[in-house]
């Protein structure tokens, strides 16, 4: 299950996001919420989320400040920004620092679900195969096969398994 933190300086937005999505059906769970960037950074350390859905403009530290800190620490956490501002410079900076998406409020279920799925896809793609499959592939019935067959069996097994979140 993918772990999500929602951050917005408007508690009503947090409650609305929590209610509008069917988190379990998307193999996700909301594990925390923050009302400012400082709280979000503290939760980042304790909850180790896979995905953050955050307002870009919050008190204490902005969503961009949090994203920069994630990059500085070399964390794999993915960030989706929500904003009431159709400000190109915010969107450009968000993309520059690796945000998955920049969505305008009010956000639709479909828009947010698509962004979450993109974040999940990025997480899976960035996982090293060795993290899921240490070894040579012999443990998958490849012992004694010629190299091309060994590789094919190993590749298919790794590819199928990578569709699952393996950590």
Foldseek 3Di string as FASTA:
>chain_A
DFEEEEEALDVVVVVVVQPQEPQVVLVYDYPYYYNADVVVLVCCVVVVGQEYEYEQDGPPDGPLRNLVVCVVVVRNREYEYEYQDPDVVSQVSCVVSPHLYYHYPPDHNVRVSVSVVSSVVVLLVPDDLCLVPPDDQVVVVLPPPPPVVSVVSSVVVSVVCSVPDGD
